Amino acid sequence: FEHDSHLVAMASSSATSPEQYAASMDTVVSTSYDVFNRKIFSLPKIMLLPGVIVKQPSLLIKIFPFIFLSDFIKARLVATVTNEVERLQKEAKEIQSIRSKVEAFDM
C-alpha cells in the first residue's frame, strides 16, 4: 500500500514503547519508595523537635520564617521549571505537526 510509510512515520513518533512504560513505572515506584523512606526516617528527628523547642525557643523564632521562605522559593522554582518544560514540549509538538504536514504535502 502506498500509505504505509505515512502510518509507520506516525506510529514511530506517537507510539509509546514498552521500555518507556517500564521506565515510567520504575520512576513512580522509586519516587514513592524515596518519599516513604524519607518520611519514616524523619520521624525520629521530628520527635527530637519538642525537646529542642523547650530548651531554645528563640531558635524556633529565628528559623521558622526561613523554613517558609525556603519552601516558597522551592515551589516557585519548581513551578517555573515545570512551565518552561511544558512550553518546550508544546512547541516541539507544534513543530513536529508542521513537519508532518509538509512531508505529507511533498509526497
C-alpha atoms as a PDB file:
ATOM      1  CA  PHE A   1       0.000   0.000   0.000  1.00  0.00           C
ATOM      2  CA  GLU A   2       1.222   3.479  -0.776  1.00  0.00           C
ATOM      3  CA  HIS A   3       0.188   4.997   2.572  1.00  0.00           C
ATOM      4  CA  ASP A   4       2.104   2.503   4.727  1.00  0.00           C
ATOM      5  CA  SER A   5       5.089   4.836   5.019  1.00  0.00           C
ATOM      6  CA  HIS A   6       2.830   7.561   6.438  1.00  0.00           C
ATOM      7  CA  LEU A   7       1.374   5.172   9.010  1.00  0.00           C
ATOM      8  CA  VAL A   8       4.813   3.931  10.044  1.00  0.00           C
ATOM      9  CA  ALA A   9       6.060   7.516  10.435  1.00  0.00           C
ATOM     10  CA  MET A  10       3.037   8.452  12.549  1.00  0.00           C
ATOM     11  CA  ALA A  11       3.358   5.337  14.709  1.00  0.00           C
ATOM     12  CA  SER A  12       7.054   5.834  15.313  1.00  0.00           C
ATOM     13  CA  SER A  13       6.561   9.409  16.517  1.00  0.00           C
ATOM     14  CA  SER A  14       3.485   8.847  18.699  1.00  0.00           C
ATOM     15  CA  ALA A  15       3.619   5.267  19.949  1.00  0.00           C
ATOM     16  CA  THR A  16       4.952   4.572  23.400  1.00  0.00           C
ATOM     17  CA  SER A  17       7.249   1.604  23.617  1.00  0.00           C
ATOM     18  CA  PRO A  18       7.177  -0.975  26.419  1.00  0.00           C
ATOM     19  CA  GLU A  19      10.580   0.302  27.548  1.00  0.00           C
ATOM     20  CA  GLN A  20       9.121   3.762  28.081  1.00  0.00           C
ATOM     21  CA  TYR A  21       6.223   2.322  30.096  1.00  0.00           C
ATOM     22  CA  ALA A  22       8.683   0.297  32.196  1.00  0.00           C
ATOM     23  CA  ALA A  23      10.862   3.362  32.770  1.00  0.00           C
ATOM     24  CA  SER A  24       7.790   5.345  33.847  1.00  0.00           C
ATOM     25  CA  MET A  25       6.725   2.633  36.271  1.00  0.00           C
ATOM     26  CA  ASP A  26      10.264   2.422  37.642  1.00  0.00           C
ATOM     27  CA  THR A  27      10.245   6.180  38.217  1.00  0.00           C
ATOM     28  CA  VAL A  28       6.903   6.030  40.027  1.00  0.00           C
ATOM     29  CA  VAL A  29       7.984   3.139  42.250  1.00  0.00           C
ATOM     30  CA  SER A  30      11.372   4.653  43.108  1.00  0.00           C
ATOM     31  CA  THR A  31       9.838   8.070  43.836  1.00  0.00           C
ATOM     32  CA  SER A  32       7.185   6.504  46.083  1.00  0.00           C
ATOM     33  CA  TYR A  33       9.835   4.483  47.870  1.00  0.00           C
ATOM     34  CA  ASP A  34      12.033   7.552  48.390  1.00  0.00           C
ATOM     35  CA  VAL A  35       9.133   9.592  49.783  1.00  0.00           C
ATOM     36  CA  PHE A  36       8.104   6.782  52.127  1.00  0.00           C
ATOM     37  CA  ASN A  37      11.724   6.230  53.203  1.00  0.00           C
ATOM     38  CA  ARG A  38      12.251   9.931  53.947  1.00  0.00           C
ATOM     39  CA  LYS A  39       9.044  10.129  55.995  1.00  0.00           C
ATOM     40  CA  ILE A  40       9.873   7.050  58.086  1.00  0.00           C
ATOM     41  CA  PHE A  41      13.431   8.125  58.856  1.00  0.00           C
ATOM     42  CA  SER A  42      12.465  11.734  59.533  1.00  0.00           C
ATOM     43  CA  LEU A  43      10.097  10.644  62.325  1.00  0.00           C
ATOM     44  CA  PRO A  44      12.875  10.260  64.943  1.00  0.00           C
ATOM     45  CA  LYS A  45      14.158  13.738  64.048  1.00  0.00           C
ATOM     46  CA  ILE A  46      10.673  15.203  64.466  1.00  0.00           C
ATOM     47  CA  MET A  47      10.382  13.517  67.857  1.00  0.00           C
ATOM     48  CA  LEU A  48      13.515  15.407  68.970  1.00  0.00           C
ATOM     49  CA  LEU A  49      11.984  18.749  67.993  1.00  0.00           C
ATOM     50  CA  PRO A  50       9.836  19.362  71.131  1.00  0.00           C
ATOM     51  CA  GLY A  51      12.891  18.976  73.362  1.00  0.00           C
ATOM     52  CA  VAL A  52      14.865  21.469  71.287  1.00  0.00           C
ATOM     53  CA  ILE A  53      11.961  23.955  71.297  1.00  0.00           C
ATOM     54  CA  VAL A  54      11.654  23.755  75.081  1.00  0.00           C
ATOM     55  CA  LYS A  55      15.393  24.298  75.563  1.00  0.00           C
ATOM     56  CA  GLN A  56      15.796  27.050  72.936  1.00  0.00           C
ATOM     57  CA  PRO A  57      12.522  28.790  71.992  1.00  0.00           C
ATOM     58  CA  SER A  58      14.391  31.678  70.347  1.00  0.00           C
ATOM     59  CA  LEU A  59      15.832  29.223  67.832  1.00  0.00           C
ATOM     60  CA  LEU A  60      12.317  28.395  66.634  1.00  0.00           C
ATOM     61  CA  ILE A  61      11.501  32.079  66.224  1.00  0.00           C
ATOM     62  CA  LYS A  62      14.662  32.615  64.145  1.00  0.00           C
ATOM     63  CA  ILE A  63      14.327  29.531  61.929  1.00  0.00           C
ATOM     64  CA  PHE A  64      10.548  29.453  61.372  1.00  0.00           C
ATOM     65  CA  PRO A  65      10.481  32.295  58.772  1.00  0.00           C
ATOM     66  CA  PHE A  66      13.454  30.733  56.973  1.00  0.00           C
ATOM     67  CA  ILE A  67      11.547  27.454  56.599  1.00  0.00           C
ATOM     68  CA  PHE A  68       8.595  29.234  54.962  1.00  0.00           C
ATOM     69  CA  LEU A  69      10.867  31.304  52.738  1.00  0.00           C
ATOM     70  CA  SER A  70      12.826  28.289  51.539  1.00  0.00           C
ATOM     71  CA  ASP A  71       9.597  26.363  50.799  1.00  0.00           C
ATOM     72  CA  PHE A  72       8.226  29.346  48.877  1.00  0.00           C
ATOM     73  CA  ILE A  73      11.415  29.701  46.801  1.00  0.00           C
ATOM     74  CA  LYS A  74      11.473  25.968  46.071  1.00  0.00           C
ATOM     75  CA  ALA A  75       7.821  25.997  44.980  1.00  0.00           C
ATOM     76  CA  ARG A  76       8.397  28.983  42.675  1.00  0.00           C
ATOM     77  CA  LEU A  77      11.470  27.343  41.152  1.00  0.00           C
ATOM     78  CA  VAL A  78       9.660  24.059  40.528  1.00  0.00           C
ATOM     79  CA  ALA A  79       6.673  25.893  39.014  1.00  0.00           C
ATOM     80  CA  THR A  80       8.945  27.917  36.715  1.00  0.00           C
ATOM     81  CA  VAL A  81      10.836  24.848  35.517  1.00  0.00           C
ATOM     82  CA  THR A  82       7.592  22.910  35.005  1.00  0.00           C
ATOM     83  CA  ASN A  83       6.039  25.728  32.978  1.00  0.00           C
ATOM     84  CA  GLU A  84       9.153  26.013  30.810  1.00  0.00           C
ATOM     85  CA  VAL A  85       9.246  22.251  30.161  1.00  0.00           C
ATOM     86  CA  GLU A  86       5.554  22.235  29.224  1.00  0.00           C
ATOM     87  CA  ARG A  87       6.074  25.204  26.895  1.00  0.00           C
ATOM     88  CA  LEU A  88       9.011  23.490  25.174  1.00  0.00           C
ATOM     89  CA  GLN A  89       7.078  20.225  24.796  1.00  0.00           C
ATOM     90  CA  LYS A  90       4.143  22.088  23.252  1.00  0.00           C
ATOM     91  CA  GLU A  91       6.477  23.913  20.875  1.00  0.00           C
ATOM     92  CA  ALA A  92       8.140  20.629  19.889  1.00  0.00           C
ATOM     93  CA  LYS A  93       4.743  19.045  19.143  1.00  0.00           C
ATOM     94  CA  GLU A  94       3.741  22.044  17.020  1.00  0.00           C
ATOM     95  CA  ILE A  95       6.985  21.847  15.040  1.00  0.00           C
ATOM     96  CA  GLN A  96       6.545  18.079  14.597  1.00  0.00           C
ATOM     97  CA  SER A  97       2.985  18.678  13.371  1.00  0.00           C
ATOM     98  CA  ILE A  98       4.147  21.259  10.848  1.00  0.00           C
ATOM     99  CA  ARG A  99       6.910  18.912   9.695  1.00  0.00           C
ATOM    100  CA  SER A 100       4.432  16.054   9.235  1.00  0.00           C
ATOM    101  CA  LYS A 101       2.103  18.286   7.220  1.00  0.00           C
ATOM    102  CA  VAL A 102       4.968  19.425   4.993  1.00  0.00           C
ATOM    103  CA  GLU A 103       6.167  15.824   4.494  1.00  0.00           C
ATOM    104  CA  ALA A 104       2.627  14.686   3.661  1.00  0.00           C
ATOM    105  CA  PHE A 105       2.244  17.543   1.162  1.00  0.00           C
ATOM    106  CA  ASP A 106       5.579  16.735  -0.518  1.00  0.00           C
ATOM    107  CA  MET A 107       4.711  13.055  -1.050  1.00  0.00           C
END
